[in-house]
Amino acid sequence: MSESTKSDKLSAPELKSAKPEKKEEKKKKPGFFARVGGWFKRWWKELRSEAKKVTWPSFKTVVNNTLLVLAMVLVLGGLIVLVDFALKSGLSLIING
């Protein structure tokens, strides 16, 4: 007998007490913090493994590169000051005649 014919033959009180067949239980999705925690844990693990693959420079190389950057900043800063002074002087000559 099909489900529709069963429910057609039941009276009103029997319909209320008749329980439908259980549907397959849905798997619950993990909570927000469990998902974020899992994501963070996976991200941290990948970060550590990638950091181990990096070829880190020696201390001497770091010092040399730092000094080179500072020297270039000073040189370019000096050039900007000189160009600014020249343009300011030229503009004041034009304005003051």
N, C-alpha and C. Protein backbone atom coordinates (compact mmCIF):
# COMPACT_ATOMS: atom_id res chain seq x y z
N MET A 1 0.84 -1.18 0.00
CA MET A 1 0.00 0.00 0.00
C MET A 1 0.89 1.23 0.00
N SER A 2 0.54 2.22 -0.79
CA SER A 2 1.38 3.41 -0.86
C SER A 2 1.08 4.34 0.31
N GLU A 3 1.91 5.31 0.48
CA GLU A 3 1.79 6.26 1.60
C GLU A 3 0.52 7.08 1.50
N SER A 4 0.14 7.48 0.31
CA SER A 4 -1.05 8.33 0.16
C SER A 4 -2.31 7.57 0.50
N THR A 5 -2.40 6.28 0.20
CA THR A 5 -3.60 5.52 0.53
C THR A 5 -3.67 5.24 2.02
N LYS A 6 -2.54 5.11 2.68
CA LYS A 6 -2.54 4.93 4.14
C LYS A 6 -3.13 6.15 4.82
N SER A 7 -2.67 7.33 4.45
CA SER A 7 -3.14 8.53 5.12
C SER A 7 -4.59 8.83 4.76
N ASP A 8 -5.07 8.38 3.59
CA ASP A 8 -6.47 8.60 3.22
C ASP A 8 -7.41 7.79 4.09
N LYS A 9 -6.99 6.61 4.54
CA LYS A 9 -7.86 5.73 5.32
C LYS A 9 -7.81 6.02 6.81
N LEU A 10 -6.85 6.83 7.29
CA LEU A 10 -6.73 7.12 8.72
C LEU A 10 -7.69 8.24 9.09
N SER A 11 -8.23 8.15 10.29
CA SER A 11 -9.10 9.23 10.77
C SER A 11 -8.24 10.37 11.29
N ALA A 12 -8.87 11.49 11.65
CA ALA A 12 -8.14 12.68 12.08
C ALA A 12 -7.25 12.42 13.29
N PRO A 13 -7.73 11.79 14.37
CA PRO A 13 -6.83 11.54 15.51
C PRO A 13 -5.67 10.62 15.14
N GLU A 14 -5.93 9.68 14.26
CA GLU A 14 -4.86 8.78 13.86
C GLU A 14 -3.82 9.49 13.01
N LEU A 15 -4.28 10.48 12.22
CA LEU A 15 -3.34 11.24 11.40
C LEU A 15 -2.35 12.01 12.26
N LYS A 16 -2.86 12.56 13.37
CA LYS A 16 -1.98 13.32 14.26
C LYS A 16 -0.96 12.42 14.92
N SER A 17 -1.38 11.21 15.29
CA SER A 17 -0.46 10.33 16.00
C SER A 17 0.46 9.58 15.04
N ALA A 18 0.06 9.48 13.77
CA ALA A 18 0.90 8.77 12.81
C ALA A 18 2.14 9.62 12.51
N LYS A 19 3.28 9.03 12.71
CA LYS A 19 4.53 9.76 12.48
C LYS A 19 5.04 9.43 11.09
N PRO A 20 5.46 10.45 10.36
CA PRO A 20 6.03 10.17 9.05
C PRO A 20 7.35 9.44 9.22
N GLU A 21 7.74 8.71 8.20
CA GLU A 21 8.99 7.98 8.27
C GLU A 21 10.14 8.97 8.41
N LYS A 22 11.13 8.56 9.17
CA LYS A 22 12.28 9.44 9.38
C LYS A 22 13.02 9.66 8.08
N LYS A 23 13.32 10.90 7.81
CA LYS A 23 14.15 11.22 6.66
C LYS A 23 15.59 11.01 7.07
N GLU A 24 16.42 10.89 6.08
CA GLU A 24 17.83 10.75 6.40
C GLU A 24 18.30 11.99 7.13
N GLU A 25 19.01 11.77 8.22
CA GLU A 25 19.49 12.91 9.00
C GLU A 25 20.56 13.65 8.22
N LYS A 26 20.39 14.96 8.16
CA LYS A 26 21.37 15.78 7.47
C LYS A 26 22.59 15.93 8.36
N LYS A 27 23.74 15.92 7.71
CA LYS A 27 24.97 16.15 8.48
C LYS A 27 25.03 17.63 8.83
N LYS A 28 25.25 17.89 10.10
CA LYS A 28 25.35 19.29 10.52
C LYS A 28 26.68 19.87 10.09
N LYS A 29 26.60 21.10 9.59
CA LYS A 29 27.82 21.81 9.22
C LYS A 29 28.50 22.25 10.51
N PRO A 30 29.82 22.16 10.57
CA PRO A 30 30.51 22.60 11.80
C PRO A 30 30.23 24.08 12.07
N GLY A 31 30.31 24.46 13.33
CA GLY A 31 30.06 25.84 13.72
C GLY A 31 31.08 26.80 13.14
N PHE A 32 30.77 28.07 13.25
CA PHE A 32 31.62 29.12 12.70
C PHE A 32 33.04 29.04 13.24
N PHE A 33 33.17 28.93 14.57
CA PHE A 33 34.50 28.94 15.18
C PHE A 33 35.28 27.67 14.83
N ALA A 34 34.59 26.56 14.67
CA ALA A 34 35.26 25.33 14.27
C ALA A 34 35.79 25.46 12.84
N ARG A 35 35.00 26.08 11.96
CA ARG A 35 35.45 26.27 10.58
C ARG A 35 36.62 27.23 10.52
N VAL A 36 36.52 28.36 11.24
CA VAL A 36 37.60 29.35 11.23
C VAL A 36 38.84 28.77 11.89
N GLY A 37 38.65 28.04 12.96
CA GLY A 37 39.79 27.42 13.64
C GLY A 37 40.50 26.43 12.74
N GLY A 38 39.73 25.64 12.00
CA GLY A 38 40.32 24.68 11.07
C GLY A 38 41.06 25.39 9.95
N TRP A 39 40.46 26.46 9.45
CA TRP A 39 41.11 27.24 8.39
C TRP A 39 42.42 27.83 8.89
N PHE A 40 42.40 28.41 10.10
CA PHE A 40 43.59 29.04 10.65
C PHE A 40 44.68 28.00 10.90
N LYS A 41 44.28 26.86 11.41
CA LYS A 41 45.25 25.80 11.69
C LYS A 41 45.91 25.34 10.39
N ARG A 42 45.15 25.14 9.33
CA ARG A 42 45.70 24.72 8.04
C ARG A 42 46.61 25.82 7.47
N TRP A 43 46.16 27.08 7.58
CA TRP A 43 46.96 28.20 7.08
C TRP A 43 48.30 28.28 7.80
N TRP A 44 48.29 28.14 9.12
CA TRP A 44 49.52 28.22 9.92
C TRP A 44 50.48 27.09 9.56
N LYS A 45 49.93 25.89 9.36
CA LYS A 45 50.76 24.74 9.01
C LYS A 45 51.43 24.97 7.65
N GLU A 46 50.68 25.48 6.68
CA GLU A 46 51.24 25.76 5.36
C GLU A 46 52.28 26.88 5.43
N LEU A 47 52.01 27.88 6.25
CA LEU A 47 52.96 28.98 6.40
C LEU A 47 54.29 28.48 6.94
N ARG A 48 54.25 27.64 7.95
CA ARG A 48 55.48 27.10 8.53
C ARG A 48 56.24 26.25 7.53
N SER A 49 55.51 25.45 6.76
CA SER A 49 56.21 24.60 5.80
C SER A 49 56.84 25.44 4.69
N GLU A 50 56.18 26.51 4.26
CA GLU A 50 56.75 27.38 3.23
C GLU A 50 57.94 28.18 3.78
N ALA A 51 57.87 28.58 5.05
CA ALA A 51 58.97 29.34 5.65
C ALA A 51 60.23 28.49 5.75
N LYS A 52 60.06 27.18 5.88
CA LYS A 52 61.23 26.31 5.95
C LYS A 52 61.93 26.21 4.60
N LYS A 53 61.19 26.44 3.52
CA LYS A 53 61.76 26.33 2.18
C LYS A 53 62.52 27.59 1.76
N VAL A 54 62.35 28.69 2.50
CA VAL A 54 62.96 29.96 2.13
C VAL A 54 64.46 29.90 2.39
N THR A 55 65.23 30.46 1.46
CA THR A 55 66.67 30.60 1.67
C THR A 55 66.90 31.98 2.28
N TRP A 56 67.20 31.99 3.55
CA TRP A 56 67.36 33.25 4.26
C TRP A 56 68.75 33.81 4.01
N PRO A 57 68.87 35.16 3.85
CA PRO A 57 70.20 35.76 3.63
C PRO A 57 71.02 35.75 4.92
N SER A 58 72.32 35.82 4.75
CA SER A 58 73.20 35.87 5.92
C SER A 58 73.12 37.27 6.55
N PHE A 59 73.64 37.37 7.75
CA PHE A 59 73.62 38.66 8.45
C PHE A 59 74.43 39.70 7.69
N LYS A 60 75.57 39.26 7.14
CA LYS A 60 76.43 40.18 6.40
C LYS A 60 75.69 40.74 5.17
N THR A 61 74.94 39.90 4.48
CA THR A 61 74.18 40.34 3.31
C THR A 61 73.10 41.34 3.71
N VAL A 62 72.43 41.08 4.82
CA VAL A 62 71.39 41.99 5.30
C VAL A 62 71.98 43.35 5.63
N VAL A 63 73.12 43.37 6.32
CA VAL A 63 73.77 44.64 6.69
C VAL A 63 74.20 45.39 5.44
N ASN A 64 74.80 44.69 4.47
CA ASN A 64 75.24 45.34 3.23
C ASN A 64 74.05 45.94 2.47
N ASN A 65 72.98 45.19 2.34
CA ASN A 65 71.81 45.70 1.63
C ASN A 65 71.17 46.88 2.36
N THR A 66 71.15 46.83 3.69
CA THR A 66 70.58 47.94 4.46
C THR A 66 71.40 49.20 4.27
N LEU A 67 72.72 49.07 4.33
CA LEU A 67 73.58 50.23 4.12
C LEU A 67 73.43 50.79 2.71
N LEU A 68 73.29 49.92 1.72
CA LEU A 68 73.10 50.35 0.35
C LEU A 68 71.79 51.14 0.20
N VAL A 69 70.73 50.65 0.83
CA VAL A 69 69.43 51.34 0.76
C VAL A 69 69.53 52.71 1.43
N LEU A 70 70.16 52.78 2.60
CA LEU A 70 70.31 54.07 3.28
C LEU A 70 71.13 55.05 2.45
N ALA A 71 72.20 54.58 1.82
CA ALA A 71 73.02 55.45 0.97
C ALA A 71 72.20 55.98 -0.21
N MET A 72 71.41 55.14 -0.84
CA MET A 72 70.59 55.56 -1.97
C MET A 72 69.52 56.56 -1.54
N VAL A 73 68.97 56.38 -0.36
CA VAL A 73 67.97 57.33 0.16
C VAL A 73 68.62 58.70 0.36
N LEU A 74 69.82 58.72 0.93
CA LEU A 74 70.53 59.99 1.14
C LEU A 74 70.89 60.66 -0.18
N VAL A 75 71.37 59.88 -1.15
CA VAL A 75 71.75 60.46 -2.45
C VAL A 75 70.52 61.03 -3.15
N LEU A 76 69.45 60.25 -3.23
CA LEU A 76 68.25 60.74 -3.91
C LEU A 76 67.60 61.90 -3.15
N GLY A 77 67.67 61.86 -1.83
CA GLY A 77 67.16 62.99 -1.04
C GLY A 77 67.94 64.26 -1.34
N GLY A 78 69.27 64.12 -1.43
CA GLY A 78 70.12 65.28 -1.78
C GLY A 78 69.80 65.82 -3.17
N LEU A 79 69.58 64.92 -4.13
CA LEU A 79 69.22 65.36 -5.48
C LEU A 79 67.88 66.11 -5.49
N ILE A 80 66.95 65.63 -4.74
CA ILE A 80 65.64 66.30 -4.69
C ILE A 80 65.78 67.68 -4.07
N VAL A 81 66.61 67.81 -3.02
CA VAL A 81 66.83 69.12 -2.39
C VAL A 81 67.49 70.06 -3.38
N LEU A 82 68.49 69.59 -4.13
CA LEU A 82 69.18 70.44 -5.11
C LEU A 82 68.23 70.89 -6.23
N VAL A 83 67.42 69.97 -6.75
CA VAL A 83 66.48 70.33 -7.81
C VAL A 83 65.44 71.32 -7.27
N ASP A 84 64.97 71.09 -6.07
CA ASP A 84 63.99 71.99 -5.46
C ASP A 84 64.59 73.39 -5.30
N PHE A 85 65.83 73.47 -4.80
CA PHE A 85 66.49 74.76 -4.61
C PHE A 85 66.68 75.48 -5.95
N ALA A 86 67.10 74.73 -6.99
CA ALA A 86 67.32 75.33 -8.31
C ALA A 86 66.01 75.85 -8.89
N LEU A 87 64.96 75.09 -8.78
CA LEU A 87 63.67 75.53 -9.31
C LEU A 87 63.13 76.74 -8.54
N LYS A 88 63.31 76.72 -7.23
CA LYS A 88 62.85 77.85 -6.41
C LYS A 88 63.64 79.11 -6.77
N SER A 89 64.95 78.99 -6.93
CA SER A 89 65.78 80.15 -7.29
C SER A 89 65.41 80.67 -8.68
N GLY A 90 65.24 79.76 -9.64
CA GLY A 90 64.84 80.18 -10.98
C GLY A 90 63.49 80.85 -11.01
N LEU A 91 62.55 80.34 -10.26
CA LEU A 91 61.22 80.94 -10.21
C LEU A 91 61.25 82.32 -9.55
N SER A 92 62.06 82.46 -8.49
CA SER A 92 62.16 83.78 -7.84
C SER A 92 62.84 84.80 -8.77
N LEU A 93 63.79 84.38 -9.60
CA LEU A 93 64.42 85.28 -10.58
C LEU A 93 63.39 85.74 -11.62
N ILE A 94 62.53 84.83 -12.06
CA ILE A 94 61.51 85.18 -13.06
C ILE A 94 60.49 86.15 -12.46
N ILE A 95 60.06 85.87 -11.24
CA ILE A 95 59.03 86.71 -10.61
C ILE A 95 59.58 88.08 -10.24
N ASN A 96 60.77 88.15 -9.64
CA ASN A 96 61.34 89.41 -9.18
C ASN A 96 62.04 90.18 -10.31
N GLY A 97 62.16 89.60 -11.43
CA GLY A 97 62.73 90.30 -12.60
C GLY A 97 64.16 90.23 -12.63
